[in-house]
């Protein structure tokens, strides 16, 4: 499995695209929580998922982060 380091010297990123369900029990929720807790949520968050509950959670977290930043 590949891993992306958000603490890389490459700097900030402008957008991220997320699918909620990654297979099995894995989701992108831990990634989104980390981004929000570390104030690293980019200004543009795209959500592409067939899971309506997952979509609601991801978009809700992104909206809260943008409002509070």
PDB file of N, CA and C in Angstrom:
ATOM      1  N   UNK A   1       0.846  -1.184   0.000  1.00  0.00           N
ATOM      2  CA  UNK A   1       0.000   0.000   0.000  1.00  0.00           C
ATOM      3  C   UNK A   1       0.887   1.242   0.000  1.00  0.00           C
ATOM      4  N   UNK A   2       0.582   2.178  -0.866  1.00  0.00           N
ATOM      5  CA  UNK A   2       1.329   3.423  -0.924  1.00  0.00           C
ATOM      6  C   UNK A   2       0.821   4.385   0.136  1.00  0.00           C
ATOM      7  N   UNK A   3       1.716   5.239   0.582  1.00  0.00           N
ATOM      8  CA  UNK A   3       1.369   6.204   1.617  1.00  0.00           C
ATOM      9  C   UNK A   3       1.823   7.583   1.161  1.00  0.00           C
ATOM     10  N   UNK A   4       1.009   8.572   1.443  1.00  0.00           N
ATOM     11  CA  UNK A   4       1.343   9.959   1.126  1.00  0.00           C
ATOM     12  C   UNK A   4       1.699  10.656   2.429  1.00  0.00           C
ATOM     13  N   UNK A   5       2.785  11.374   2.441  1.00  0.00           N
ATOM     14  CA  UNK A   5       3.167  12.145   3.615  1.00  0.00           C
ATOM     15  C   UNK A   5       2.687  13.580   3.443  1.00  0.00           C
ATOM     16  N   UNK A   6       1.827  14.026   4.338  1.00  0.00           N
ATOM     17  CA  UNK A   6       1.338  15.399   4.280  1.00  0.00           C
ATOM     18  C   UNK A   6       2.318  16.367   4.918  1.00  0.00           C
ATOM     19  N   UNK A   7       3.365  15.841   5.538  1.00  0.00           N
ATOM     20  CA  UNK A   7       4.390  16.681   6.146  1.00  0.00           C
ATOM     21  C   UNK A   7       5.603  16.820   5.242  1.00  0.00           C
ATOM     22  N   UNK A   8       5.446  16.510   3.986  1.00  0.00           N
ATOM     23  CA  UNK A   8       6.570  16.550   3.057  1.00  0.00           C
ATOM     24  C   UNK A   8       7.008  17.991   2.807  1.00  0.00           C
ATOM     25  N   UNK A   9       8.258  18.183   2.410  1.00  0.00           N
ATOM     26  CA  UNK A   9       8.740  19.532   2.145  1.00  0.00           C
ATOM     27  C   UNK A   9       8.139  20.156   0.894  1.00  0.00           C
ATOM     28  N   UNK A  10       7.320  19.405   0.164  1.00  0.00           N
ATOM     29  CA  UNK A  10       6.704  19.939  -1.054  1.00  0.00           C
ATOM     30  C   UNK A  10       5.718  21.049  -0.740  1.00  0.00           C
ATOM     31  N   UNK A  11       5.280  21.165   0.506  1.00  0.00           N
ATOM     32  CA  UNK A  11       4.384  22.260   0.888  1.00  0.00           C
ATOM     33  C   UNK A  11       2.922  21.867   0.867  1.00  0.00           C
ATOM     34  N   UNK A  12       2.080  22.875   0.862  1.00  0.00           N
ATOM     35  CA  UNK A  12       0.634  22.658   0.908  1.00  0.00           C
ATOM     36  C   UNK A  12       0.104  22.190  -0.434  1.00  0.00           C
ATOM     37  N   UNK A  13      -1.095  21.667  -0.405  1.00  0.00           N
ATOM     38  CA  UNK A  13      -1.755  21.232  -1.628  1.00  0.00           C
ATOM     39  C   UNK A  13      -3.085  21.962  -1.718  1.00  0.00           C
ATOM     40  N   UNK A  14      -3.544  22.192  -2.940  1.00  0.00           N
ATOM     41  CA  UNK A  14      -4.725  23.026  -3.174  1.00  0.00           C
ATOM     42  C   UNK A  14      -6.029  22.240  -3.162  1.00  0.00           C
ATOM     43  N   UNK A  15      -5.973  20.936  -3.439  1.00  0.00           N
ATOM     44  CA  UNK A  15      -7.210  20.154  -3.539  1.00  0.00           C
ATOM     45  C   UNK A  15      -6.931  18.701  -3.189  1.00  0.00           C
ATOM     46  N   UNK A  16      -7.996  18.023  -2.781  1.00  0.00           N
ATOM     47  CA  UNK A  16      -7.926  16.592  -2.524  1.00  0.00           C
ATOM     48  C   UNK A  16      -9.245  15.983  -2.990  1.00  0.00           C
ATOM     49  N   UNK A  17      -9.184  14.783  -3.524  1.00  0.00           N
ATOM     50  CA  UNK A  17     -10.370  14.067  -3.986  1.00  0.00           C
ATOM     51  C   UNK A  17     -10.469  12.772  -3.197  1.00  0.00           C
ATOM     52  N   UNK A  18     -11.626  12.544  -2.572  1.00  0.00           N
ATOM     53  CA  UNK A  18     -11.781  11.415  -1.653  1.00  0.00           C
ATOM     54  C   UNK A  18     -12.942  10.506  -2.034  1.00  0.00           C
ATOM     55  N   UNK A  19     -12.694   9.216  -1.939  1.00  0.00           N
ATOM     56  CA  UNK A  19     -13.738   8.197  -2.009  1.00  0.00           C
ATOM     57  C   UNK A  19     -13.877   7.674  -0.588  1.00  0.00           C
ATOM     58  N   UNK A  20     -15.079   7.572  -0.063  1.00  0.00           N
ATOM     59  CA  UNK A  20     -15.263   7.143   1.323  1.00  0.00           C
ATOM     60  C   UNK A  20     -14.826   5.699   1.532  1.00  0.00           C
ATOM     61  N   UNK A  21     -15.334   4.783   0.743  1.00  0.00           N
ATOM     62  CA  UNK A  21     -15.073   3.362   0.942  1.00  0.00           C
ATOM     63  C   UNK A  21     -13.837   2.922   0.155  1.00  0.00           C
ATOM     64  N   UNK A  22     -12.873   2.341   0.871  1.00  0.00           N
ATOM     65  CA  UNK A  22     -11.628   1.906   0.244  1.00  0.00           C
ATOM     66  C   UNK A  22     -11.553   0.402   0.057  1.00  0.00           C
ATOM     67  N   UNK A  23     -12.538  -0.321   0.538  1.00  0.00           N
ATOM     68  CA  UNK A  23     -12.552  -1.779   0.437  1.00  0.00           C
ATOM     69  C   UNK A  23     -12.485  -2.394   1.826  1.00  0.00           C
ATOM     70  N   UNK A  24     -13.232  -3.462   2.024  1.00  0.00           N
ATOM     71  CA  UNK A  24     -13.286  -4.055   3.360  1.00  0.00           C
ATOM     72  C   UNK A  24     -13.879  -3.049   4.333  1.00  0.00           C
ATOM     73  N   UNK A  25     -13.253  -2.932   5.484  1.00  0.00           N
ATOM     74  CA  UNK A  25     -13.706  -1.972   6.496  1.00  0.00           C
ATOM     75  C   UNK A  25     -12.964  -0.650   6.422  1.00  0.00           C
ATOM     76  N   UNK A  26     -12.071  -0.485   5.446  1.00  0.00           N
ATOM     77  CA  UNK A  26     -11.257   0.726   5.343  1.00  0.00           C
ATOM     78  C   UNK A  26     -12.034   1.867   4.695  1.00  0.00           C
ATOM     79  N   UNK A  27     -11.875   3.056   5.274  1.00  0.00           N
ATOM     80  CA  UNK A  27     -12.485   4.275   4.726  1.00  0.00           C
ATOM     81  C   UNK A  27     -11.453   5.405   4.775  1.00  0.00           C
ATOM     82  N   UNK A  28     -11.801   6.536   4.206  1.00  0.00           N
ATOM     83  CA  UNK A  28     -10.920   7.701   4.262  1.00  0.00           C
ATOM     84  C   UNK A  28     -11.161   8.548   5.503  1.00  0.00           C
ATOM     85  N   UNK A  29     -12.035   8.109   6.405  1.00  0.00           N
ATOM     86  CA  UNK A  29     -12.318   8.891   7.614  1.00  0.00           C
ATOM     87  C   UNK A  29     -11.062   9.207   8.424  1.00  0.00           C
ATOM     88  N   UNK A  30     -10.154   8.259   8.654  1.00  0.00           N
ATOM     89  CA  UNK A  30      -8.938   8.609   9.410  1.00  0.00           C
ATOM     90  C   UNK A  30      -8.103   9.705   8.726  1.00  0.00           C
ATOM     91  N   UNK A  31      -8.075   9.699   7.409  1.00  0.00           N
ATOM     92  CA  UNK A  31      -7.330  10.716   6.671  1.00  0.00           C
ATOM     93  C   UNK A  31      -7.968  12.084   6.881  1.00  0.00           C
ATOM     94  N   UNK A  32      -9.289  12.149   6.754  1.00  0.00           N
ATOM     95  CA  UNK A  32     -10.003  13.417   6.911  1.00  0.00           C
ATOM     96  C   UNK A  32      -9.878  13.928   8.347  1.00  0.00           C
ATOM     97  N   UNK A  33      -9.992  13.037   9.320  1.00  0.00           N
ATOM     98  CA  UNK A  33      -9.830  13.453  10.714  1.00  0.00           C
ATOM     99  C   UNK A  33      -8.435  14.025  10.945  1.00  0.00           C
ATOM    100  N   UNK A  34      -7.414  13.365  10.402  1.00  0.00           N
ATOM    101  CA  UNK A  34      -6.049  13.863  10.552  1.00  0.00           C
ATOM    102  C   UNK A  34      -5.900  15.240   9.910  1.00  0.00           C
ATOM    103  N   UNK A  35      -6.424  15.392   8.704  1.00  0.00           N
ATOM    104  CA  UNK A  35      -6.341  16.683   8.013  1.00  0.00           C
ATOM    105  C   UNK A  35      -6.988  17.787   8.842  1.00  0.00           C
ATOM    106  N   UNK A  36      -8.163  17.512   9.396  1.00  0.00           N
ATOM    107  CA  UNK A  36      -8.880  18.515  10.184  1.00  0.00           C
ATOM    108  C   UNK A  36      -8.165  18.807  11.506  1.00  0.00           C
ATOM    109  N   UNK A  37      -7.711  17.771  12.197  1.00  0.00           N
ATOM    110  CA  UNK A  37      -7.048  17.949  13.484  1.00  0.00           C
ATOM    111  C   UNK A  37      -5.720  18.690  13.353  1.00  0.00           C
ATOM    112  N   UNK A  38      -5.090  18.581  12.205  1.00  0.00           N
ATOM    113  CA  UNK A  38      -3.786  19.203  11.987  1.00  0.00           C
ATOM    114  C   UNK A  38      -3.867  20.441  11.103  1.00  0.00           C
ATOM    115  N   UNK A  39      -5.078  20.942  10.920  1.00  0.00           N
ATOM    116  CA  UNK A  39      -5.326  22.149  10.123  1.00  0.00           C
ATOM    117  C   UNK A  39      -4.661  22.073   8.748  1.00  0.00           C
ATOM    118  N   UNK A  40      -4.829  20.935   8.080  1.00  0.00           N
ATOM    119  CA  UNK A  40      -4.223  20.730   6.766  1.00  0.00           C
ATOM    120  C   UNK A  40      -5.266  20.504   5.674  1.00  0.00           C
ATOM    121  N   UNK A  41      -6.524  20.757   5.982  1.00  0.00           N
ATOM    122  CA  UNK A  41      -7.581  20.561   4.995  1.00  0.00           C
ATOM    123  C   UNK A  41      -7.408  21.586   3.873  1.00  0.00           C
ATOM    124  N   UNK A  42      -7.289  21.118   2.629  1.00  0.00           N
ATOM    125  CA  UNK A  42      -7.084  22.065   1.532  1.00  0.00           C
ATOM    126  C   UNK A  42      -8.359  22.853   1.241  1.00  0.00           C
ATOM    127  N   UNK A  43      -8.247  23.950   0.515  1.00  0.00           N
ATOM    128  CA  UNK A  43      -9.417  24.775   0.214  1.00  0.00           C
ATOM    129  C   UNK A  43     -10.449  24.075  -0.659  1.00  0.00           C
ATOM    130  N   UNK A  44     -10.027  23.091  -1.442  1.00  0.00           N
ATOM    131  CA  UNK A  44     -10.963  22.361  -2.298  1.00  0.00           C
ATOM    132  C   UNK A  44     -10.940  20.878  -1.938  1.00  0.00           C
ATOM    133  N   UNK A  45     -12.112  20.363  -1.562  1.00  0.00           N
ATOM    134  CA  UNK A  45     -12.260  18.940  -1.240  1.00  0.00           C
ATOM    135  C   UNK A  45     -13.327  18.376  -2.160  1.00  0.00           C
ATOM    136  N   UNK A  46     -12.948  17.405  -2.954  1.00  0.00           N
ATOM    137  CA  UNK A  46     -13.897  16.729  -3.853  1.00  0.00           C
ATOM    138  C   UNK A  46     -14.223  15.371  -3.266  1.00  0.00           C
ATOM    139  N   UNK A  47     -15.492  15.029  -3.283  1.00  0.00           N
ATOM    140  CA  UNK A  47     -15.943  13.732  -2.764  1.00  0.00           C
ATOM    141  C   UNK A  47     -16.580  12.956  -3.899  1.00  0.00           C
ATOM    142  N   UNK A  48     -16.094  11.762  -4.125  1.00  0.00           N
ATOM    143  CA  UNK A  48     -16.671  10.886  -5.148  1.00  0.00           C
ATOM    144  C   UNK A  48     -16.880   9.516  -4.520  1.00  0.00           C
ATOM    145  N   UNK A  49     -18.117   9.238  -4.147  1.00  0.00           N
ATOM    146  CA  UNK A  49     -18.440   7.971  -3.501  1.00  0.00           C
ATOM    147  C   UNK A  49     -19.890   7.611  -3.789  1.00  0.00           C
ATOM    148  N   UNK A  50     -20.146   6.334  -3.870  1.00  0.00           N
ATOM    149  CA  UNK A  50     -21.511   5.845  -4.051  1.00  0.00           C
ATOM    150  C   UNK A  50     -22.215   5.665  -2.705  1.00  0.00           C
ATOM    151  N   UNK A  51     -21.480   5.840  -1.618  1.00  0.00           N
ATOM    152  CA  UNK A  51     -22.010   5.650  -0.274  1.00  0.00           C
ATOM    153  C   UNK A  51     -22.624   6.965   0.214  1.00  0.00           C
ATOM    154  N   UNK A  52     -23.970   7.053   0.314  1.00  0.00           N
ATOM    155  CA  UNK A  52     -24.601   8.316   0.702  1.00  0.00           C
ATOM    156  C   UNK A  52     -24.269   8.750   2.134  1.00  0.00           C
ATOM    157  N   UNK A  53     -24.138   7.805   3.056  1.00  0.00           N
ATOM    158  CA  UNK A  53     -23.780   8.146   4.437  1.00  0.00           C
ATOM    159  C   UNK A  53     -22.336   8.632   4.481  1.00  0.00           C
ATOM    160  N   UNK A  54     -21.464   7.961   3.750  1.00  0.00           N
ATOM    161  CA  UNK A  54     -20.065   8.381   3.672  1.00  0.00           C
ATOM    162  C   UNK A  54     -19.916   9.754   3.047  1.00  0.00           C
ATOM    163  N   UNK A  55     -20.685  10.015   1.990  1.00  0.00           N
ATOM    164  CA  UNK A  55     -20.650  11.328   1.333  1.00  0.00           C
ATOM    165  C   UNK A  55     -21.059  12.418   2.319  1.00  0.00           C
ATOM    166  N   UNK A  56     -22.117  12.184   3.056  1.00  0.00           N
ATOM    167  CA  UNK A  56     -22.595  13.170   4.039  1.00  0.00           C
ATOM    168  C   UNK A  56     -21.525  13.455   5.093  1.00  0.00           C
ATOM    169  N   UNK A  57     -20.874  12.404   5.581  1.00  0.00           N
ATOM    170  CA  UNK A  57     -19.837  12.576   6.608  1.00  0.00           C
ATOM    171  C   UNK A  57     -18.656  13.361   6.059  1.00  0.00           C
ATOM    172  N   UNK A  58     -18.151  12.966   4.888  1.00  0.00           N
ATOM    173  CA  UNK A  58     -16.989  13.630   4.294  1.00  0.00           C
ATOM    174  C   UNK A  58     -17.278  15.096   3.984  1.00  0.00           C
ATOM    175  N   UNK A  59     -18.414  15.367   3.362  1.00  0.00           N
ATOM    176  CA  UNK A  59     -18.727  16.755   3.013  1.00  0.00           C
ATOM    177  C   UNK A  59     -18.988  17.588   4.265  1.00  0.00           C
ATOM    178  N   UNK A  60     -19.613  16.993   5.272  1.00  0.00           N
ATOM    179  CA  UNK A  60     -19.852  17.700   6.527  1.00  0.00           C
ATOM    180  C   UNK A  60     -18.560  18.090   7.214  1.00  0.00           C
ATOM    181  N   UNK A  61     -17.607  17.167   7.277  1.00  0.00           N
ATOM    182  CA  UNK A  61     -16.311  17.466   7.896  1.00  0.00           C
ATOM    183  C   UNK A  61     -15.587  18.560   7.122  1.00  0.00           C
ATOM    184  N   UNK A  62     -15.603  18.470   5.808  1.00  0.00           N
ATOM    185  CA  UNK A  62     -14.916  19.467   4.977  1.00  0.00           C
ATOM    186  C   UNK A  62     -15.557  20.845   5.157  1.00  0.00           C
ATOM    187  N   UNK A  63     -16.875  20.903   5.183  1.00  0.00           N
ATOM    188  CA  UNK A  63     -17.569  22.188   5.346  1.00  0.00           C
ATOM    189  C   UNK A  63     -17.274  22.806   6.705  1.00  0.00           C
ATOM    190  N   UNK A  64     -17.267  22.003   7.750  1.00  0.00           N
ATOM    191  CA  UNK A  64     -16.958  22.518   9.083  1.00  0.00           C
ATOM    192  C   UNK A  64     -15.547  23.084   9.140  1.00  0.00           C
ATOM    193  N   UNK A  65     -14.617  22.392   8.518  1.00  0.00           N
ATOM    194  CA  UNK A  65     -13.229  22.823   8.541  1.00  0.00           C
ATOM    195  C   UNK A  65     -13.049  24.143   7.791  1.00  0.00           C
ATOM    196  N   UNK A  66     -13.696  24.275   6.656  1.00  0.00           N
ATOM    197  CA  UNK A  66     -13.573  25.495   5.871  1.00  0.00           C
ATOM    198  C   UNK A  66     -14.182  26.673   6.632  1.00  0.00           C
ATOM    199  N   UNK A  67     -15.302  26.458   7.313  1.00  0.00           N
ATOM    200  CA  UNK A  67     -15.956  27.533   8.060  1.00  0.00           C
ATOM    201  C   UNK A  67     -15.131  27.985   9.262  1.00  0.00           C
ATOM    202  N   UNK A  68     -14.430  27.049   9.903  1.00  0.00           N
ATOM    203  CA  UNK A  68     -13.711  27.387  11.125  1.00  0.00           C
ATOM    204  C   UNK A  68     -12.289  27.837  10.864  1.00  0.00           C
ATOM    205  N   UNK A  69     -11.803  27.725   9.641  1.00  0.00           N
ATOM    206  CA  UNK A  69     -10.419  28.106   9.361  1.00  0.00           C
ATOM    207  C   UNK A  69     -10.284  29.602   9.217  1.00  0.00           C
TER     208      UNK A  69
END
